[in-house]
């Protein structure tokens, strides 16, 4: 056997061994992705009868990107897609299992069953609960600001998540002051109703993204301390719940990943379930 043939066989053996190791990992991470043809059509039935609750994700960034790209923190229209669609897929699986909310399942393949909300379409008023991710990078034009303010004052509820550190906080606050120049952002204490509407959430720990855990920490940038804050209307209804220096969406997304701590995923579910129940009962 010549040296070239021997080297080729060695490389083939190494590749085979890598596939044997990696394939089960991906099969566990994406347990349903065993039939490629299903990825094209999704695995979620159409919501024929109309569910009580839909997961609605906010589009921002000037409305320049309405595709299904996977945002990873860059400024602009793509950061709103971070963790999509796995985060909402796994969250809705938990919501349907843990509560009696009549919700729509979401495909892990193409996000079918979830809603992506462009404010200028004005369909946001059909959904009581709205999720916005990486809000340290969000931006809106004047029309979008007015619509979002109207939505919140007419009964809508906004959950913001996955932004970290003082710089992103400052950017977020600048935008919030355009939406509500006369409404302060306040700390949510442990006895706040939103933490007890279903689950009693007396324990507050930092819920990190997977990349942070791989780096041996639970924070990003200078966002060492997690904070829960909110904005209220004149009647004491919580309009916006703010999860700063944490990443609940990543905890949902990693729900089937044995490398992500189960207690953190469980807590991320409980916080968001409480937010959903609060939004639908207030």
Protein backbone atom coordinates (compact mmCIF):
# COMPACT_ATOMS: atom_id res chain seq x y z
CA UNK A 1 0.00 0.00 0.00
CA UNK A 2 1.48 3.35 -0.98
CA UNK A 3 1.71 6.30 1.40
CA UNK A 4 -1.04 8.32 -0.37
CA UNK A 5 -3.53 5.43 -0.16
CA UNK A 6 -2.69 4.85 3.50
CA UNK A 7 -3.19 8.54 4.30
CA UNK A 8 -6.53 8.57 2.47
CA UNK A 9 -7.76 5.57 4.42
CA UNK A 10 -6.65 7.16 7.70
CA UNK A 11 -8.50 10.38 6.87
CA UNK A 12 -11.61 8.39 5.93
CA UNK A 13 -11.45 6.54 9.24
CA UNK A 14 -11.12 9.80 11.21
CA UNK A 15 -14.06 11.33 9.31
CA UNK A 16 -16.19 8.25 9.98
CA UNK A 17 -15.40 8.34 13.68
CA UNK A 18 -16.24 12.06 13.86
CA UNK A 19 -19.57 11.44 12.18
CA UNK A 20 -20.35 8.63 14.61
CA UNK A 21 -19.68 11.00 17.52
CA UNK A 22 -21.27 14.18 16.15
CA UNK A 23 -24.40 12.74 14.54
CA UNK A 24 -25.99 11.55 17.81
CA UNK A 25 -25.28 14.96 19.33
CA UNK A 26 -27.16 16.73 16.56
CA UNK A 27 -29.90 14.12 16.64
CA UNK A 28 -30.38 14.94 20.32
CA UNK A 29 -30.17 18.69 19.76
CA UNK A 30 -32.74 18.54 16.94
CA UNK A 31 -34.66 15.35 17.74
CA UNK A 32 -37.28 15.78 15.02
CA UNK A 33 -34.94 16.54 12.12
CA UNK A 34 -34.78 12.99 10.81
CA UNK A 35 -37.04 13.47 7.79
CA UNK A 36 -35.64 16.21 5.51
CA UNK A 37 -38.90 16.59 3.61
CA UNK A 38 -40.63 17.71 6.83
CA UNK A 39 -38.21 20.60 7.20
CA UNK A 40 -39.61 22.19 4.06
CA UNK A 41 -43.21 22.14 5.18
CA UNK A 42 -42.87 22.36 8.97
CA UNK A 43 -44.44 20.05 11.50
CA UNK A 44 -47.07 22.37 12.93
CA UNK A 45 -50.68 22.12 11.77
CA UNK A 46 -52.47 25.23 10.62
CA UNK A 47 -54.34 27.09 13.35
CA UNK A 48 -57.74 26.48 11.75
CA UNK A 49 -59.95 27.19 14.75
CA UNK A 50 -57.97 30.09 16.16
CA UNK A 51 -55.96 29.58 19.34
CA UNK A 52 -56.25 31.69 22.45
CA UNK A 53 -52.55 32.55 22.49
CA UNK A 54 -49.88 33.03 19.82
CA UNK A 55 -46.20 33.68 20.38
CA UNK A 56 -45.58 37.08 18.77
CA UNK A 57 -42.04 38.31 18.10
CA UNK A 58 -41.41 41.99 17.44
CA UNK A 59 -39.65 43.08 14.26
CA UNK A 60 -37.51 46.19 14.61
CA UNK A 61 -34.67 47.99 12.92
CA UNK A 62 -36.61 50.15 10.52
CA UNK A 63 -38.40 47.20 8.94
CA UNK A 64 -35.55 46.48 6.52
CA UNK A 65 -35.39 42.72 6.97
CA UNK A 66 -38.47 40.53 7.15
CA UNK A 67 -36.73 37.29 6.34
CA UNK A 68 -36.11 34.29 8.52
CA UNK A 69 -32.46 34.98 9.10
CA UNK A 70 -30.75 34.04 12.33
CA UNK A 71 -29.68 37.25 14.00
CA UNK A 72 -26.67 37.04 16.25
CA UNK A 73 -26.47 40.50 17.78
CA UNK A 74 -25.61 42.74 14.86
CA UNK A 75 -27.23 46.18 14.72
CA UNK A 76 -30.05 46.39 12.21
CA UNK A 77 -33.05 44.38 11.12
CA UNK A 78 -31.58 40.97 11.80
CA UNK A 79 -30.98 41.09 15.55
CA UNK A 80 -34.69 40.65 16.24
CA UNK A 81 -34.41 37.08 14.88
CA UNK A 82 -31.95 35.88 17.53
CA UNK A 83 -32.77 32.33 18.73
CA UNK A 84 -35.60 32.08 16.20
CA UNK A 85 -37.39 29.72 15.77
CA UNK A 86 -36.07 27.29 18.39
CA UNK A 87 -36.74 29.63 21.32
CA UNK A 88 -40.45 30.00 20.60
CA UNK A 89 -40.81 26.36 19.56
CA UNK A 90 -39.53 25.04 22.87
CA UNK A 91 -41.22 27.75 24.91
CA UNK A 92 -44.62 26.96 23.44
CA UNK A 93 -44.04 23.26 24.09
CA UNK A 94 -43.53 24.14 27.75
CA UNK A 95 -46.44 26.59 27.95
CA UNK A 96 -48.86 24.01 26.53
CA UNK A 97 -47.55 21.31 28.84
CA UNK A 98 -47.44 23.38 32.04
CA UNK A 99 -50.66 25.38 31.70
CA UNK A 100 -54.16 25.17 30.26
CA UNK A 101 -53.51 28.04 27.86
CA UNK A 102 -54.91 27.25 24.41
CA UNK A 103 -51.81 28.10 22.39
CA UNK A 104 -50.47 27.45 18.92
CA UNK A 105 -47.46 25.17 18.51
CA UNK A 106 -44.50 26.49 16.52
CA UNK A 107 -42.40 24.55 14.05
CA UNK A 108 -38.76 24.11 15.03
CA UNK A 109 -37.89 24.09 11.32
CA UNK A 110 -39.40 27.23 9.86
CA UNK A 111 -41.23 29.01 12.68
CA UNK A 112 -44.66 28.20 11.27
CA UNK A 113 -47.30 28.83 13.92
CA UNK A 114 -45.43 31.81 15.39
CA UNK A 115 -46.10 35.44 14.60
CA UNK A 116 -43.52 38.01 13.53
CA UNK A 117 -44.94 41.46 14.07
CA UNK A 118 -44.19 44.42 11.86
CA UNK A 119 -45.73 47.35 13.71
CA UNK A 120 -46.74 49.25 10.60
CA UNK A 121 -49.00 46.36 9.58
CA UNK A 122 -50.99 47.18 12.75
CA UNK A 123 -51.82 43.52 13.37
CA UNK A 124 -49.99 43.82 16.71
CA UNK A 125 -53.36 44.68 18.29
CA UNK A 126 -54.47 41.06 17.75
CA UNK A 127 -51.89 39.78 20.25
CA UNK A 128 -51.84 40.50 24.00
CA UNK A 129 -48.20 39.48 24.48
CA UNK A 130 -45.18 40.61 22.50
CA UNK A 131 -41.56 39.44 22.74
CA UNK A 132 -38.55 41.56 21.76
CA UNK A 133 -34.98 40.27 21.84
CA UNK A 134 -31.61 42.08 21.83
CA UNK A 135 -33.30 45.39 22.53
CA UNK A 136 -29.96 47.05 23.10
CA UNK A 137 -29.87 47.27 19.30
CA UNK A 138 -33.48 48.07 18.46
CA UNK A 139 -34.63 51.15 16.59
CA UNK A 140 -37.99 52.46 15.41
CA UNK A 141 -39.24 55.26 13.23
CA UNK A 142 -41.81 57.77 14.51
CA UNK A 143 -44.78 55.81 13.18
CA UNK A 144 -43.62 52.60 14.87
CA UNK A 145 -43.06 54.44 18.16
CA UNK A 146 -46.63 55.76 18.08
CA UNK A 147 -48.10 52.34 17.26
CA UNK A 148 -46.13 50.56 20.00
CA UNK A 149 -47.21 53.18 22.55
CA UNK A 150 -50.84 52.80 21.47
CA UNK A 151 -50.60 49.00 21.64
CA UNK A 152 -49.25 49.04 25.19
CA UNK A 153 -51.75 51.63 26.43
CA UNK A 154 -54.66 49.68 24.94
CA UNK A 155 -53.82 46.51 26.87
CA UNK A 156 -50.73 45.05 25.23
CA UNK A 157 -47.79 43.59 27.15
CA UNK A 158 -44.15 43.67 26.05
CA UNK A 159 -41.42 41.34 27.31
CA UNK A 160 -37.85 42.39 26.46
CA UNK A 161 -34.94 40.00 26.78
CA UNK A 162 -31.31 39.24 25.92
CA UNK A 163 -29.49 42.54 26.26
CA UNK A 164 -26.48 43.10 28.42
CA UNK A 165 -24.29 45.73 29.99
CA UNK A 166 -24.41 49.48 30.43
CA UNK A 167 -24.06 50.44 26.76
CA UNK A 168 -27.00 48.32 25.61
CA UNK A 169 -29.02 49.51 28.59
CA UNK A 170 -28.42 53.13 27.62
CA UNK A 171 -29.52 52.46 24.03
CA UNK A 172 -32.63 50.64 25.23
CA UNK A 173 -33.59 53.46 27.61
CA UNK A 174 -33.17 56.06 24.87
CA UNK A 175 -35.76 54.24 22.77
CA UNK A 176 -38.10 53.63 25.70
CA UNK A 177 -38.07 57.34 26.49
CA UNK A 178 -39.32 58.00 22.99
CA UNK A 179 -42.18 55.55 23.61
CA UNK A 180 -42.96 56.71 27.15
CA UNK A 181 -41.25 60.03 27.93
CA UNK A 182 -43.41 60.44 31.06
CA UNK A 183 -43.27 56.90 32.50
CA UNK A 184 -40.33 55.80 34.65
CA UNK A 185 -38.58 52.45 34.56
CA UNK A 186 -38.80 50.91 38.02
CA UNK A 187 -37.30 47.87 39.73
CA UNK A 188 -39.63 44.89 40.18
CA UNK A 189 -39.34 43.60 43.72
CA UNK A 190 -39.68 39.93 44.62
CA UNK A 191 -43.22 40.40 45.97
CA UNK A 192 -44.45 41.90 42.67
CA UNK A 193 -47.66 40.32 41.37
CA UNK A 194 -46.07 39.29 38.08
CA UNK A 195 -43.73 36.95 39.98
CA UNK A 196 -46.63 35.19 41.71
CA UNK A 197 -49.48 35.14 39.21
CA UNK A 198 -48.92 31.40 38.66
CA UNK A 199 -45.47 30.37 39.90
CA UNK A 200 -44.05 31.88 43.08
CA UNK A 201 -40.69 33.13 41.86
CA UNK A 202 -38.90 34.13 45.03
CA UNK A 203 -35.56 32.96 43.67
CA UNK A 204 -33.85 35.20 41.14
CA UNK A 205 -30.68 33.98 39.49
CA UNK A 206 -28.94 35.15 36.37
CA UNK A 207 -30.14 33.13 33.38
CA UNK A 208 -27.27 33.18 30.88
CA UNK A 209 -26.79 32.41 27.22
CA UNK A 210 -25.03 29.20 26.27
CA UNK A 211 -21.91 30.98 25.01
CA UNK A 212 -21.42 32.65 28.39
CA UNK A 213 -21.59 29.30 30.15
CA UNK A 214 -18.99 27.89 27.78
CA UNK A 215 -16.77 30.81 28.81
CA UNK A 216 -17.24 29.91 32.47
CA UNK A 217 -19.40 32.90 33.45
CA UNK A 218 -23.10 33.80 33.54
CA UNK A 219 -22.84 37.38 32.25
CA UNK A 220 -21.97 39.28 29.08
CA UNK A 221 -19.99 42.51 28.72
CA UNK A 222 -20.21 44.46 31.99
CA UNK A 223 -23.67 43.10 32.80
CA UNK A 224 -22.66 41.21 35.94
CA UNK A 225 -25.89 41.77 37.90
CA UNK A 226 -29.26 40.64 36.51
CA UNK A 227 -32.13 43.08 36.93
CA UNK A 228 -35.91 42.79 36.56
CA UNK A 229 -37.59 46.10 35.82
CA UNK A 230 -40.84 47.37 34.39
CA UNK A 231 -43.04 50.23 33.22
CA UNK A 232 -46.62 50.77 34.48
CA UNK A 233 -49.70 52.60 33.29
CA UNK A 234 -51.70 54.97 35.49
CA UNK A 235 -53.84 52.14 36.87
CA UNK A 236 -50.86 50.07 38.01
CA UNK A 237 -50.90 47.59 35.12
CA UNK A 238 -47.48 46.40 34.04
CA UNK A 239 -46.95 47.35 30.40
CA UNK A 240 -43.33 46.31 29.86
CA UNK A 241 -41.28 43.70 31.72
CA UNK A 242 -37.53 44.13 31.31
CA UNK A 243 -35.08 41.25 31.72
CA UNK A 244 -31.66 42.90 31.66
CA UNK A 245 -28.33 41.03 31.83
CA UNK A 246 -29.95 37.68 31.13
CA UNK A 247 -31.03 35.55 28.20
CA UNK A 248 -34.29 33.69 28.75
CA UNK A 249 -34.65 33.02 25.03
CA UNK A 250 -31.40 31.09 24.92
CA UNK A 251 -32.50 29.04 27.94
CA UNK A 252 -35.70 28.07 26.07
CA UNK A 253 -33.73 27.35 22.92
CA UNK A 254 -31.37 25.04 24.81
CA UNK A 255 -34.19 23.13 26.53
CA UNK A 256 -33.16 19.87 24.85
CA UNK A 257 -29.42 20.47 25.20
CA UNK A 258 -27.88 18.42 28.04
CA UNK A 259 -25.03 20.93 28.16
CA UNK A 260 -27.33 23.69 29.43
CA UNK A 261 -28.27 23.54 33.16
CA UNK A 262 -31.85 22.29 33.59
CA UNK A 263 -32.59 24.51 36.64
CA UNK A 264 -31.86 27.62 34.56
CA UNK A 265 -34.10 26.48 31.71
CA UNK A 266 -36.87 25.61 34.18
CA UNK A 267 -36.65 29.06 35.78
CA UNK A 268 -36.64 30.78 32.38
CA UNK A 269 -39.86 28.93 31.54
CA UNK A 270 -41.50 29.93 34.81
CA UNK A 271 -40.72 33.62 34.43
CA UNK A 272 -42.09 33.72 30.89
CA UNK A 273 -45.17 31.64 31.75
CA UNK A 274 -45.96 34.14 34.49
CA UNK A 275 -45.56 36.99 32.01
CA UNK A 276 -47.97 35.29 29.58
CA UNK A 277 -50.59 34.62 32.27
CA UNK A 278 -50.26 38.19 33.54
CA UNK A 279 -50.69 39.62 30.03
CA UNK A 280 -53.83 37.55 29.44
CA UNK A 281 -55.46 38.39 32.76
CA UNK A 282 -54.68 42.10 33.06
